[in-house]
C-alpha cells in the first residue's frame, strides 16, 4: 500500500474535489508533506485518522489502496468474529482484510479488533481443531494472513508523536506464536508508543541486549508457550532485577498462569489488549507529565 497519496486520490476517496483538498492542505486542516518540486502529498494514516474521528466519510476507499467496502458496512463485532473465523479457515486473505478494515475504518480501536475479533476467531479455530473440524495447517495459514493484515494496519496508524517513548518486546525462547507480540505492537502504537516487536522465540540473553542497547521505557513479554518454567523464571527474574528501575515490565499471554505469576514481578499483567491499552495510555501520560 502506498504510504503517501495525492490530493486527487484523497478527493476521490472522500467524494470531494481535488481543489477542496488542496485548499484544506494549504490552510493546515490536513497535515501535508511537500515534495522537492512543491507537490502536496498526504499520508493515508492522516486521512484514516480523520475518518475514524468522524471528520470525513470514505466514499471510494480503493483510491487509498483499501478494500472497496472499507467503512461502508456496519458490522457487529460478534458477527465479524464469526465471518473472520470462516475466512481464516478458508485461507481467504482478501475477505479477512475486508472484514478487519471495515471495523478499523468505522472507528473500532485496534485493541477491540485484536481482542474481540482476531483473538476470538483464533479461539474458535482452536475449538474446532479440538473437535476434529479444523486442521493445523489452516490455523498456521490463518496466522500468516493475520500477520500480514496487522502489519498493514500498523502503517495506517497516525505517526507516533514522540519517538523517545520507545517500547520493545517479544516472545521468549520456545514460544513461536508471532501473532501475540505483533498485536501488542499494534495496540501500543495506537496508544502513541514508538513500539517495536522484536519477534518470537527469543532467549533472555538477546532480550537483555536489546534493552541495554535501546533503553526503552516499556518492555513487554507475550507468553503463549513456556518450555521450561524454572528456566523461564530464572531468565525473567534476572532481566527484571537488572532493568525494572528504569523500564516498565508488562507481561501477558495464556502461558502465564496464576501460579507462575505469583513468582514474577512486573509493572502490569494484561490478560487482553484492551487492558494493555489502558495501562499504556496511563503510563504514557504519567511519563509526559513528569517530563514537563
C-alpha atoms as a PDB file:
ATOM      1  CA  UNK A   1       0.000   0.000   0.000  1.00  0.00           C
ATOM      2  CA  UNK A   2       1.216   3.500  -0.862  1.00  0.00           C
ATOM      3  CA  UNK A   3       2.008   5.455   2.336  1.00  0.00           C
ATOM      4  CA  UNK A   4       1.538   8.858   0.680  1.00  0.00           C
ATOM      5  CA  UNK A   5      -1.203   9.866  -1.735  1.00  0.00           C
ATOM      6  CA  UNK A   6      -2.032  12.913  -3.851  1.00  0.00           C
ATOM      7  CA  UNK A   7      -4.855  15.440  -3.261  1.00  0.00           C
ATOM      8  CA  UNK A   8      -6.579  13.942  -6.313  1.00  0.00           C
ATOM      9  CA  UNK A   9      -6.605  10.491  -4.703  1.00  0.00           C
ATOM     10  CA  UNK A  10      -7.818  11.920  -1.397  1.00  0.00           C
ATOM     11  CA  UNK A  11     -10.560  13.866  -3.160  1.00  0.00           C
ATOM     12  CA  UNK A  12     -11.731  10.746  -4.960  1.00  0.00           C
ATOM     13  CA  UNK A  13     -11.708   8.707  -1.756  1.00  0.00           C
ATOM     14  CA  UNK A  14     -13.811  11.317   0.085  1.00  0.00           C
ATOM     15  CA  UNK A  15     -16.066  12.297  -2.790  1.00  0.00           C
ATOM     16  CA  UNK A  16     -14.860  15.914  -2.884  1.00  0.00           C
ATOM     17  CA  UNK A  17     -12.966  17.961  -5.424  1.00  0.00           C
ATOM     18  CA  UNK A  18      -9.197  17.977  -5.711  1.00  0.00           C
ATOM     19  CA  UNK A  19      -9.218  21.745  -5.285  1.00  0.00           C
ATOM     20  CA  UNK A  20     -11.035  21.402  -1.945  1.00  0.00           C
ATOM     21  CA  UNK A  21      -8.388  19.020  -0.687  1.00  0.00           C
ATOM     22  CA  UNK A  22      -5.617  21.368  -1.822  1.00  0.00           C
ATOM     23  CA  UNK A  23      -7.323  24.236  -0.012  1.00  0.00           C
ATOM     24  CA  UNK A  24      -7.553  22.183   3.208  1.00  0.00           C
ATOM     25  CA  UNK A  25      -3.866  21.331   2.842  1.00  0.00           C
ATOM     26  CA  UNK A  26      -2.862  24.954   2.409  1.00  0.00           C
ATOM     27  CA  UNK A  27      -4.990  26.059   5.383  1.00  0.00           C
ATOM     28  CA  UNK A  28      -3.368  23.427   7.590  1.00  0.00           C
ATOM     29  CA  UNK A  29      -6.594  21.486   8.086  1.00  0.00           C
ATOM     30  CA  UNK A  30      -4.934  18.343   6.721  1.00  0.00           C
ATOM     31  CA  UNK A  31      -1.358  17.511   7.669  1.00  0.00           C
ATOM     32  CA  UNK A  32       0.586  17.712   4.410  1.00  0.00           C
ATOM     33  CA  UNK A  33       4.057  16.904   3.158  1.00  0.00           C
ATOM     34  CA  UNK A  34       5.646  18.516   0.113  1.00  0.00           C
ATOM     35  CA  UNK A  35       7.930  17.019  -2.491  1.00  0.00           C
ATOM     36  CA  UNK A  36      11.091  18.780  -3.689  1.00  0.00           C
ATOM     37  CA  UNK A  37       9.004  20.121  -6.559  1.00  0.00           C
ATOM     38  CA  UNK A  38       6.383  21.554  -4.203  1.00  0.00           C
ATOM     39  CA  UNK A  39       3.703  18.933  -4.825  1.00  0.00           C
ATOM     40  CA  UNK A  40       1.352  18.098  -1.961  1.00  0.00           C
ATOM     41  CA  UNK A  41       1.417  14.589  -0.506  1.00  0.00           C
ATOM     42  CA  UNK A  42      -0.793  13.274   2.279  1.00  0.00           C
ATOM     43  CA  UNK A  43      -0.269  10.198   4.452  1.00  0.00           C
ATOM     44  CA  UNK A  44      -3.017   7.605   4.218  1.00  0.00           C
ATOM     45  CA  UNK A  45      -2.821   7.320   8.015  1.00  0.00           C
ATOM     46  CA  UNK A  46      -3.742  11.015   8.301  1.00  0.00           C
ATOM     47  CA  UNK A  47      -6.901  10.567   6.245  1.00  0.00           C
ATOM     48  CA  UNK A  48      -7.897   7.407   8.097  1.00  0.00           C
ATOM     49  CA  UNK A  49      -7.422   9.100  11.467  1.00  0.00           C
ATOM     50  CA  UNK A  50      -9.789  11.889  10.387  1.00  0.00           C
ATOM     51  CA  UNK A  51     -12.290   9.356   9.035  1.00  0.00           C
ATOM     52  CA  UNK A  52     -12.231   7.425  12.293  1.00  0.00           C
ATOM     53  CA  UNK A  53     -12.774  10.697  14.200  1.00  0.00           C
ATOM     54  CA  UNK A  54     -15.886  11.336  12.101  1.00  0.00           C
ATOM     55  CA  UNK A  55     -14.461  14.344  10.227  1.00  0.00           C
ATOM     56  CA  UNK A  56     -14.707  12.647   6.819  1.00  0.00           C
ATOM     57  CA  UNK A  57     -16.591   9.765   5.223  1.00  0.00           C
ATOM     58  CA  UNK A  58     -14.897   7.327   2.881  1.00  0.00           C
ATOM     59  CA  UNK A  59     -16.743   7.147  -0.423  1.00  0.00           C
ATOM     60  CA  UNK A  60     -14.133   5.332  -2.526  1.00  0.00           C
ATOM     61  CA  UNK A  61     -11.604   3.735  -0.138  1.00  0.00           C
ATOM     62  CA  UNK A  62      -9.952   1.890  -3.031  1.00  0.00           C
ATOM     63  CA  UNK A  63      -8.443   5.256  -4.057  1.00  0.00           C
ATOM     64  CA  UNK A  64      -6.291   4.950  -0.910  1.00  0.00           C
ATOM     65  CA  UNK A  65      -5.430   1.321  -1.554  1.00  0.00           C
ATOM     66  CA  UNK A  66      -8.030  -0.019   0.893  1.00  0.00           C
ATOM     67  CA  UNK A  67     -10.667  -2.697   0.226  1.00  0.00           C
ATOM     68  CA  UNK A  68     -13.529  -1.158  -1.722  1.00  0.00           C
ATOM     69  CA  UNK A  69     -16.034  -1.733   1.096  1.00  0.00           C
ATOM     70  CA  UNK A  70     -13.929  -0.326   3.955  1.00  0.00           C
ATOM     71  CA  UNK A  71     -16.036   1.611   6.430  1.00  0.00           C
ATOM     72  CA  UNK A  72     -19.196   1.177   4.382  1.00  0.00           C
ATOM     73  CA  UNK A  73     -20.516  -1.947   6.071  1.00  0.00           C
ATOM     74  CA  UNK A  74     -21.744  -1.648   9.638  1.00  0.00           C
ATOM     75  CA  UNK A  75     -20.566  -4.868  11.279  1.00  0.00           C
ATOM     76  CA  UNK A  76     -21.382  -6.026  14.773  1.00  0.00           C
ATOM     77  CA  UNK A  77     -18.160  -7.257  16.333  1.00  0.00           C
ATOM     78  CA  UNK A  78     -19.595 -10.683  17.153  1.00  0.00           C
ATOM     79  CA  UNK A  79     -20.700 -11.158  13.551  1.00  0.00           C
ATOM     80  CA  UNK A  80     -17.294 -10.068  12.293  1.00  0.00           C
ATOM     81  CA  UNK A  81     -15.689 -12.654  14.566  1.00  0.00           C
ATOM     82  CA  UNK A  82     -17.765 -15.440  13.017  1.00  0.00           C
ATOM     83  CA  UNK A  83     -17.069 -14.282   9.472  1.00  0.00           C
ATOM     84  CA  UNK A  84     -13.355 -13.891  10.152  1.00  0.00           C
ATOM     85  CA  UNK A  85     -13.131 -17.397  11.569  1.00  0.00           C
ATOM     86  CA  UNK A  86     -14.637 -18.806   8.374  1.00  0.00           C
ATOM     87  CA  UNK A  87     -12.424 -16.665   6.122  1.00  0.00           C
ATOM     88  CA  UNK A  88      -9.272 -17.674   8.021  1.00  0.00           C
ATOM     89  CA  UNK A  89     -10.141 -21.350   7.737  1.00  0.00           C
ATOM     90  CA  UNK A  90     -10.732 -20.920   4.014  1.00  0.00           C
ATOM     91  CA  UNK A  91      -7.456 -19.038   3.591  1.00  0.00           C
ATOM     92  CA  UNK A  92      -9.321 -16.102   2.042  1.00  0.00           C
ATOM     93  CA  UNK A  93      -6.911 -13.232   2.761  1.00  0.00           C
ATOM     94  CA  UNK A  94      -8.899 -10.684   0.762  1.00  0.00           C
ATOM     95  CA  UNK A  95     -12.029 -11.417   2.774  1.00  0.00           C
ATOM     96  CA  UNK A  96     -10.133 -11.298   6.082  1.00  0.00           C
ATOM     97  CA  UNK A  97      -8.649  -7.958   5.118  1.00  0.00           C
ATOM     98  CA  UNK A  98     -12.051  -6.565   4.196  1.00  0.00           C
ATOM     99  CA  UNK A  99     -13.642  -7.676   7.473  1.00  0.00           C
ATOM    100  CA  UNK A 100     -10.921  -6.152   9.642  1.00  0.00           C
ATOM    101  CA  UNK A 101     -10.649  -2.913   7.693  1.00  0.00           C
ATOM    102  CA  UNK A 102     -14.417  -2.459   7.783  1.00  0.00           C
ATOM    103  CA  UNK A 103     -14.129  -2.327  11.560  1.00  0.00           C
ATOM    104  CA  UNK A 104     -10.962  -0.246  11.615  1.00  0.00           C
ATOM    105  CA  UNK A 105     -12.195   2.484   9.276  1.00  0.00           C
ATOM    106  CA  UNK A 106     -15.554   2.508  11.072  1.00  0.00           C
ATOM    107  CA  UNK A 107     -13.724   3.606  14.229  1.00  0.00           C
ATOM    108  CA  UNK A 108     -13.182   0.412  16.198  1.00  0.00           C
ATOM    109  CA  UNK A 109      -9.977   0.611  18.239  1.00  0.00           C
ATOM    110  CA  UNK A 110      -7.192  -1.838  17.343  1.00  0.00           C
ATOM    111  CA  UNK A 111      -7.355  -3.253  20.887  1.00  0.00           C
ATOM    112  CA  UNK A 112     -11.023  -4.155  20.411  1.00  0.00           C
ATOM    113  CA  UNK A 113     -10.374  -5.650  16.972  1.00  0.00           C
ATOM    114  CA  UNK A 114      -7.498  -7.716  18.367  1.00  0.00           C
ATOM    115  CA  UNK A 115      -9.436  -8.970  21.413  1.00  0.00           C
ATOM    116  CA  UNK A 116     -12.979  -9.404  20.208  1.00  0.00           C
ATOM    117  CA  UNK A 117     -12.408 -10.307  16.564  1.00  0.00           C
ATOM    118  CA  UNK A 118      -8.915 -11.627  15.789  1.00  0.00           C
ATOM    119  CA  UNK A 119      -8.062 -13.434  19.046  1.00  0.00           C
ATOM    120  CA  UNK A 120     -11.665 -14.591  19.395  1.00  0.00           C
ATOM    121  CA  UNK A 121     -11.662 -16.011  15.862  1.00  0.00           C
ATOM    122  CA  UNK A 122      -8.480 -17.970  16.567  1.00  0.00           C
ATOM    123  CA  UNK A 123     -10.007 -19.267  19.795  1.00  0.00           C
ATOM    124  CA  UNK A 124     -12.921 -20.547  17.724  1.00  0.00           C
ATOM    125  CA  UNK A 125     -10.475 -22.197  15.313  1.00  0.00           C
ATOM    126  CA  UNK A 126      -8.770 -23.851  18.278  1.00  0.00           C
ATOM    127  CA  UNK A 127     -12.110 -25.207  19.456  1.00  0.00           C
ATOM    128  CA  UNK A 128     -12.828 -26.574  16.001  1.00  0.00           C
ATOM    129  CA  UNK A 129      -9.412 -28.247  15.886  1.00  0.00           C
ATOM    130  CA  UNK A 130     -10.066 -29.961  19.230  1.00  0.00           C
ATOM    131  CA  UNK A 131     -13.292 -31.336  17.764  1.00  0.00           C
ATOM    132  CA  UNK A 132     -11.593 -32.514  14.577  1.00  0.00           C
ATOM    133  CA  UNK A 133     -13.266 -29.824  12.474  1.00  0.00           C
ATOM    134  CA  UNK A 134     -10.106 -27.906  11.505  1.00  0.00           C
ATOM    135  CA  UNK A 135      -6.550 -28.794  10.507  1.00  0.00           C
ATOM    136  CA  UNK A 136      -3.309 -27.452  11.968  1.00  0.00           C
ATOM    137  CA  UNK A 137      -2.301 -26.073   8.580  1.00  0.00           C
ATOM    138  CA  UNK A 138      -5.466 -23.958   8.473  1.00  0.00           C
ATOM    139  CA  UNK A 139      -4.594 -22.324  11.791  1.00  0.00           C
ATOM    140  CA  UNK A 140      -0.977 -21.708  10.753  1.00  0.00           C
ATOM    141  CA  UNK A 141      -2.041 -20.281   7.402  1.00  0.00           C
ATOM    142  CA  UNK A 142      -4.566 -18.104   9.219  1.00  0.00           C
ATOM    143  CA  UNK A 143      -1.792 -16.767  11.468  1.00  0.00           C
ATOM    144  CA  UNK A 144       0.217 -15.756   8.421  1.00  0.00           C
ATOM    145  CA  UNK A 145      -2.788 -13.949   6.974  1.00  0.00           C
ATOM    146  CA  UNK A 146      -3.426 -12.138  10.266  1.00  0.00           C
ATOM    147  CA  UNK A 147       0.231 -11.085  10.492  1.00  0.00           C
ATOM    148  CA  UNK A 148       0.035  -9.558   7.008  1.00  0.00           C
ATOM    149  CA  UNK A 149      -3.059  -7.570   8.000  1.00  0.00           C
ATOM    150  CA  UNK A 150      -1.601  -6.444  11.348  1.00  0.00           C
ATOM    151  CA  UNK A 151       1.475  -5.136   9.549  1.00  0.00           C
ATOM    152  CA  UNK A 152      -0.692  -3.235   7.093  1.00  0.00           C
ATOM    153  CA  UNK A 153      -2.765  -1.722   9.898  1.00  0.00           C
ATOM    154  CA  UNK A 154       0.468  -0.614  11.574  1.00  0.00           C
ATOM    155  CA  UNK A 155       1.338   1.525   8.544  1.00  0.00           C
ATOM    156  CA  UNK A 156      -2.078   3.178   8.677  1.00  0.00           C
ATOM    157  CA  UNK A 157      -1.950   4.369  12.264  1.00  0.00           C
ATOM    158  CA  UNK A 158      -1.246   8.019  12.950  1.00  0.00           C
ATOM    159  CA  UNK A 159       2.510   8.676  13.327  1.00  0.00           C
ATOM    160  CA  UNK A 160       3.883   8.447  16.868  1.00  0.00           C
ATOM    161  CA  UNK A 161       4.423  11.960  18.149  1.00  0.00           C
ATOM    162  CA  UNK A 162       7.400  11.284  20.419  1.00  0.00           C
ATOM    163  CA  UNK A 163       9.953   8.767  19.145  1.00  0.00           C
ATOM    164  CA  UNK A 164      11.519   8.768  22.615  1.00  0.00           C
ATOM    165  CA  UNK A 165       8.515   6.896  24.002  1.00  0.00           C
ATOM    166  CA  UNK A 166      10.099   3.608  22.977  1.00  0.00           C
ATOM    167  CA  UNK A 167       8.555   0.229  23.767  1.00  0.00           C
ATOM    168  CA  UNK A 168      10.210  -3.080  22.894  1.00  0.00           C
ATOM    169  CA  UNK A 169       9.099  -6.639  23.384  1.00  0.00           C
ATOM    170  CA  UNK A 170       8.570 -10.101  22.026  1.00  0.00           C
ATOM    171  CA  UNK A 171       8.063 -13.727  22.986  1.00  0.00           C
ATOM    172  CA  UNK A 172      10.513 -15.892  24.980  1.00  0.00           C
ATOM    173  CA  UNK A 173      12.561 -18.830  23.719  1.00  0.00           C
ATOM    174  CA  UNK A 174      10.388 -21.764  22.715  1.00  0.00           C
ATOM    175  CA  UNK A 175       7.344 -19.588  22.016  1.00  0.00           C
ATOM    176  CA  UNK A 176       6.881 -19.425  18.261  1.00  0.00           C
ATOM    177  CA  UNK A 177       3.499 -17.692  18.291  1.00  0.00           C
ATOM    178  CA  UNK A 178       4.234 -14.454  16.435  1.00  0.00           C
ATOM    179  CA  UNK A 179       0.718 -13.017  16.332  1.00  0.00           C
ATOM    180  CA  UNK A 180       0.543 -12.166  20.039  1.00  0.00           C
ATOM    181  CA  UNK A 181       3.567  -9.858  20.067  1.00  0.00           C
ATOM    182  CA  UNK A 182       2.523  -8.306  16.738  1.00  0.00           C
ATOM    183  CA  UNK A 183      -0.874  -7.384  18.211  1.00  0.00           C
ATOM    184  CA  UNK A 184       0.859  -5.851  21.241  1.00  0.00           C
ATOM    185  CA  UNK A 185       2.982  -3.723  18.925  1.00  0.00           C
ATOM    186  CA  UNK A 186      -0.105  -2.534  17.034  1.00  0.00           C
ATOM    187  CA  UNK A 187      -2.049  -1.629  20.180  1.00  0.00           C
ATOM    188  CA  UNK A 188       0.885   0.211  21.734  1.00  0.00           C
ATOM    189  CA  UNK A 189       1.468   2.223  18.574  1.00  0.00           C
ATOM    190  CA  UNK A 190      -2.213   3.200  18.605  1.00  0.00           C
ATOM    191  CA  UNK A 191      -1.611   4.375  22.196  1.00  0.00           C
ATOM    192  CA  UNK A 192       1.169   6.650  20.871  1.00  0.00           C
ATOM    193  CA  UNK A 193       4.114   4.492  21.891  1.00  0.00           C
ATOM    194  CA  UNK A 194       7.012   4.015  19.487  1.00  0.00           C
ATOM    195  CA  UNK A 195       6.541   0.254  19.772  1.00  0.00           C
ATOM    196  CA  UNK A 196       8.756  -2.274  18.004  1.00  0.00           C
ATOM    197  CA  UNK A 197       8.198  -6.020  18.216  1.00  0.00           C
ATOM    198  CA  UNK A 198      11.445  -7.968  18.311  1.00  0.00           C
ATOM    199  CA  UNK A 199       9.661 -11.139  17.213  1.00  0.00           C
ATOM    200  CA  UNK A 200       9.145 -14.552  18.760  1.00  0.00           C
ATOM    201  CA  UNK A 201      11.308 -17.360  20.191  1.00  0.00           C
ATOM    202  CA  UNK A 202      13.865 -15.010  21.757  1.00  0.00           C
ATOM    203  CA  UNK A 203      16.294 -16.085  24.510  1.00  0.00           C
ATOM    204  CA  UNK A 204      16.589 -13.789  27.528  1.00  0.00           C
ATOM    205  CA  UNK A 205      20.221 -13.050  26.656  1.00  0.00           C
ATOM    206  CA  UNK A 206      19.198 -11.288  23.447  1.00  0.00           C
ATOM    207  CA  UNK A 207      16.261  -9.547  25.129  1.00  0.00           C
ATOM    208  CA  UNK A 208      18.733  -8.163  27.656  1.00  0.00           C
ATOM    209  CA  UNK A 209      20.969  -6.973  24.810  1.00  0.00           C
ATOM    210  CA  UNK A 210      18.003  -5.235  23.187  1.00  0.00           C
ATOM    211  CA  UNK A 211      17.094  -3.388  26.386  1.00  0.00           C
ATOM    212  CA  UNK A 212      20.718  -2.423  27.086  1.00  0.00           C
ATOM    213  CA  UNK A 213      21.233  -1.065  23.580  1.00  0.00           C
ATOM    214  CA  UNK A 214      17.893   0.700  23.047  1.00  0.00           C
ATOM    215  CA  UNK A 215      16.870   1.757  26.576  1.00  0.00           C
ATOM    216  CA  UNK A 216      13.077   1.538  26.146  1.00  0.00           C
ATOM    217  CA  UNK A 217      10.647   2.977  28.667  1.00  0.00           C
ATOM    218  CA  UNK A 218       8.373  -0.058  28.347  1.00  0.00           C
ATOM    219  CA  UNK A 219       9.211  -3.715  27.753  1.00  0.00           C
ATOM    220  CA  UNK A 220       6.623  -6.399  27.043  1.00  0.00           C
ATOM    221  CA  UNK A 221       6.751 -10.177  27.086  1.00  0.00           C
ATOM    222  CA  UNK A 222       3.996 -12.106  25.306  1.00  0.00           C
ATOM    223  CA  UNK A 223       3.909 -15.721  26.519  1.00  0.00           C
ATOM    224  CA  UNK A 224       1.769 -18.274  24.716  1.00  0.00           C
ATOM    225  CA  UNK A 225       4.058 -21.225  25.467  1.00  0.00           C
ATOM    226  CA  UNK A 226       6.814 -21.823  28.039  1.00  0.00           C
ATOM    227  CA  UNK A 227       9.069 -24.835  27.561  1.00  0.00           C
ATOM    228  CA  UNK A 228      10.737 -24.896  30.994  1.00  0.00           C
ATOM    229  CA  UNK A 229       9.112 -22.865  33.771  1.00  0.00           C
ATOM    230  CA  UNK A 230      12.134 -22.825  36.068  1.00  0.00           C
ATOM    231  CA  UNK A 231      14.438 -21.708  33.282  1.00  0.00           C
ATOM    232  CA  UNK A 232      11.901 -19.081  32.233  1.00  0.00           C
ATOM    233  CA  UNK A 233      11.556 -17.721  35.771  1.00  0.00           C
ATOM    234  CA  UNK A 234      15.323 -17.536  36.237  1.00  0.00           C
ATOM    235  CA  UNK A 235      15.839 -15.664  32.975  1.00  0.00           C
ATOM    236  CA  UNK A 236      12.931 -13.309  33.527  1.00  0.00           C
ATOM    237  CA  UNK A 237      13.852 -12.568  37.143  1.00  0.00           C
ATOM    238  CA  UNK A 238      17.420 -11.663  36.171  1.00  0.00           C
ATOM    239  CA  UNK A 239      16.165  -9.368  33.411  1.00  0.00           C
ATOM    240  CA  UNK A 240      13.612  -7.677  35.641  1.00  0.00           C
ATOM    241  CA  UNK A 241      16.048  -7.211  38.522  1.00  0.00           C
ATOM    242  CA  UNK A 242      18.566  -5.536  36.253  1.00  0.00           C
ATOM    243  CA  UNK A 243      16.241  -3.096  34.471  1.00  0.00           C
ATOM    244  CA  UNK A 244      12.997  -2.636  36.436  1.00  0.00           C
ATOM    245  CA  UNK A 245      14.152   0.656  37.938  1.00  0.00           C
ATOM    246  CA  UNK A 246      14.161   2.293  34.510  1.00  0.00           C
ATOM    247  CA  UNK A 247      11.799   0.147  32.416  1.00  0.00           C
ATOM    248  CA  UNK A 248       8.145  -0.748  32.951  1.00  0.00           C
ATOM    249  CA  UNK A 249       7.721  -4.512  32.511  1.00  0.00           C
ATOM    250  CA  UNK A 250       4.391  -5.617  31.025  1.00  0.00           C
ATOM    251  CA  UNK A 251       3.582  -9.306  30.672  1.00  0.00           C
ATOM    252  CA  UNK A 252       0.705 -11.312  29.269  1.00  0.00           C
ATOM    253  CA  UNK A 253      -0.328 -14.458  27.455  1.00  0.00           C
ATOM    254  CA  UNK A 254      -2.115 -17.710  28.239  1.00  0.00           C
ATOM    255  CA  UNK A 255       1.086 -19.434  29.401  1.00  0.00           C
ATOM    256  CA  UNK A 256       1.355 -17.114  32.414  1.00  0.00           C
ATOM    257  CA  UNK A 257      -0.824 -18.991  34.857  1.00  0.00           C
ATOM    258  CA  UNK A 258      -1.816 -17.566  38.226  1.00  0.00           C
ATOM    259  CA  UNK A 259       0.723 -19.819  39.930  1.00  0.00           C
ATOM    260  CA  UNK A 260       3.518 -18.695  37.620  1.00  0.00           C
ATOM    261  CA  UNK A 261       2.665 -15.007  38.003  1.00  0.00           C
ATOM    262  CA  UNK A 262       2.951 -15.287  41.792  1.00  0.00           C
ATOM    263  CA  UNK A 263       6.657 -15.958  41.260  1.00  0.00           C
ATOM    264  CA  UNK A 264       7.162 -12.933  38.989  1.00  0.00           C
ATOM    265  CA  UNK A 265       7.467  -9.185  39.470  1.00  0.00           C
ATOM    266  CA  UNK A 266       6.111  -6.810  36.851  1.00  0.00           C
ATOM    267  CA  UNK A 267       4.569  -3.382  36.363  1.00  0.00           C
ATOM    268  CA  UNK A 268       1.417  -4.833  34.828  1.00  0.00           C
ATOM    269  CA  UNK A 269      -0.110  -8.138  33.792  1.00  0.00           C
ATOM    270  CA  UNK A 270      -2.574  -7.683  30.954  1.00  0.00           C
ATOM    271  CA  UNK A 271      -4.857 -10.562  30.035  1.00  0.00           C
ATOM    272  CA  UNK A 272      -6.143  -8.808  26.928  1.00  0.00           C
ATOM    273  CA  UNK A 273      -5.234  -5.978  24.570  1.00  0.00           C
ATOM    274  CA  UNK A 274      -7.792  -3.543  25.959  1.00  0.00           C
ATOM    275  CA  UNK A 275      -6.220  -3.834  29.403  1.00  0.00           C
ATOM    276  CA  UNK A 276      -2.841  -3.257  27.775  1.00  0.00           C
ATOM    277  CA  UNK A 277      -4.112  -0.158  26.012  1.00  0.00           C
ATOM    278  CA  UNK A 278      -5.463   1.282  29.265  1.00  0.00           C
ATOM    279  CA  UNK A 279      -2.186   0.731  31.114  1.00  0.00           C
ATOM    280  CA  UNK A 280      -0.089   2.041  28.213  1.00  0.00           C
ATOM    281  CA  UNK A 281      -2.078   5.263  27.895  1.00  0.00           C
ATOM    282  CA  UNK A 282      -1.903   5.888  31.641  1.00  0.00           C
ATOM    283  CA  UNK A 283       1.844   5.272  31.735  1.00  0.00           C
ATOM    284  CA  UNK A 284       2.385   7.445  28.653  1.00  0.00           C
ATOM    285  CA  UNK A 285       0.546  10.340  30.305  1.00  0.00           C
ATOM    286  CA  UNK A 286       2.457   9.916  33.575  1.00  0.00           C
ATOM    287  CA  UNK A 287       5.820   9.967  31.804  1.00  0.00           C
ATOM    288  CA  UNK A 288       4.859  13.038  29.772  1.00  0.00           C
ATOM    289  CA  UNK A 289       3.641  14.910  32.846  1.00  0.00           C
ATOM    290  CA  UNK A 290       6.812  14.046  34.749  1.00  0.00           C
ATOM    291  CA  UNK A 291       8.945  15.290  31.859  1.00  0.00           C
ATOM    292  CA  UNK A 292       7.106  18.597  31.731  1.00  0.00           C
END
